């Protein structure tokens, strides 16, 4: 598996539904903003890590 397109789309939908339901059960709102590939995921994780480390300083 290299990209999101390699996954069964029903599985992708179930994963999205899990996160929506999980957050709803905790009284939070979660709305998927789109489906992107591994490059975008790496970038988002990198930005989040940089933001986290910046807040700790």
Protein backbone atom coordinates (compact mmCIF):
# COMPACT_ATOMS: atom_id res chain seq x y z
CA UNK A 1 0.00 0.00 0.00
CA UNK A 2 1.42 3.33 -1.06
CA UNK A 3 -1.55 5.67 -1.38
CA UNK A 4 -5.06 6.12 -0.07
CA UNK A 5 -6.38 4.86 -3.40
CA UNK A 6 -4.87 1.46 -2.57
CA UNK A 7 -7.37 1.01 0.27
CA UNK A 8 -10.89 -0.27 -0.10
CA UNK A 9 -13.08 2.85 -0.11
CA UNK A 10 -15.57 1.23 2.29
CA UNK A 11 -12.72 0.87 4.80
CA UNK A 12 -11.78 4.52 4.34
CA UNK A 13 -15.39 5.52 4.99
CA UNK A 14 -15.50 3.32 8.12
CA UNK A 15 -12.31 4.95 9.44
CA UNK A 16 -13.78 8.42 8.92
CA UNK A 17 -17.00 7.34 10.62
CA UNK A 18 -15.02 6.00 13.59
CA UNK A 19 -13.37 9.37 14.19
CA UNK A 20 -16.65 11.25 13.80
CA UNK A 21 -18.42 8.89 16.23
CA UNK A 22 -15.54 8.80 18.72
CA UNK A 23 -15.42 12.57 18.97
CA UNK A 24 -19.21 12.83 19.11
CA UNK A 25 -19.24 10.47 22.10
CA UNK A 26 -16.82 12.84 23.86
CA UNK A 27 -19.00 15.85 23.08
CA UNK A 28 -16.67 17.14 20.38
CA UNK A 29 -17.23 17.78 16.72
CA UNK A 30 -14.99 16.20 14.10
CA UNK A 31 -15.50 16.78 10.41
CA UNK A 32 -13.10 15.28 7.86
CA UNK A 33 -11.72 18.03 5.65
CA UNK A 34 -10.74 15.78 2.78
CA UNK A 35 -8.74 12.76 1.79
CA UNK A 36 -5.10 13.31 0.98
CA UNK A 37 -2.05 11.17 0.39
CA UNK A 38 1.03 10.34 2.43
CA UNK A 39 2.94 13.49 1.48
CA UNK A 40 0.20 15.71 2.89
CA UNK A 41 0.00 13.53 6.02
CA UNK A 42 3.74 13.86 6.62
CA UNK A 43 3.52 17.62 6.20
CA UNK A 44 0.63 17.92 8.66
CA UNK A 45 2.42 15.79 11.26
CA UNK A 46 5.60 17.83 10.81
CA UNK A 47 3.71 21.11 11.25
CA UNK A 48 1.91 19.80 14.33
CA UNK A 49 5.19 18.62 15.87
CA UNK A 50 6.83 21.98 15.22
CA UNK A 51 3.85 23.77 16.77
CA UNK A 52 3.95 21.49 19.80
CA UNK A 53 7.65 22.04 20.36
CA UNK A 54 7.23 25.79 19.87
CA UNK A 55 4.54 25.91 22.57
CA UNK A 56 6.76 24.09 25.06
CA UNK A 57 9.61 26.60 24.85
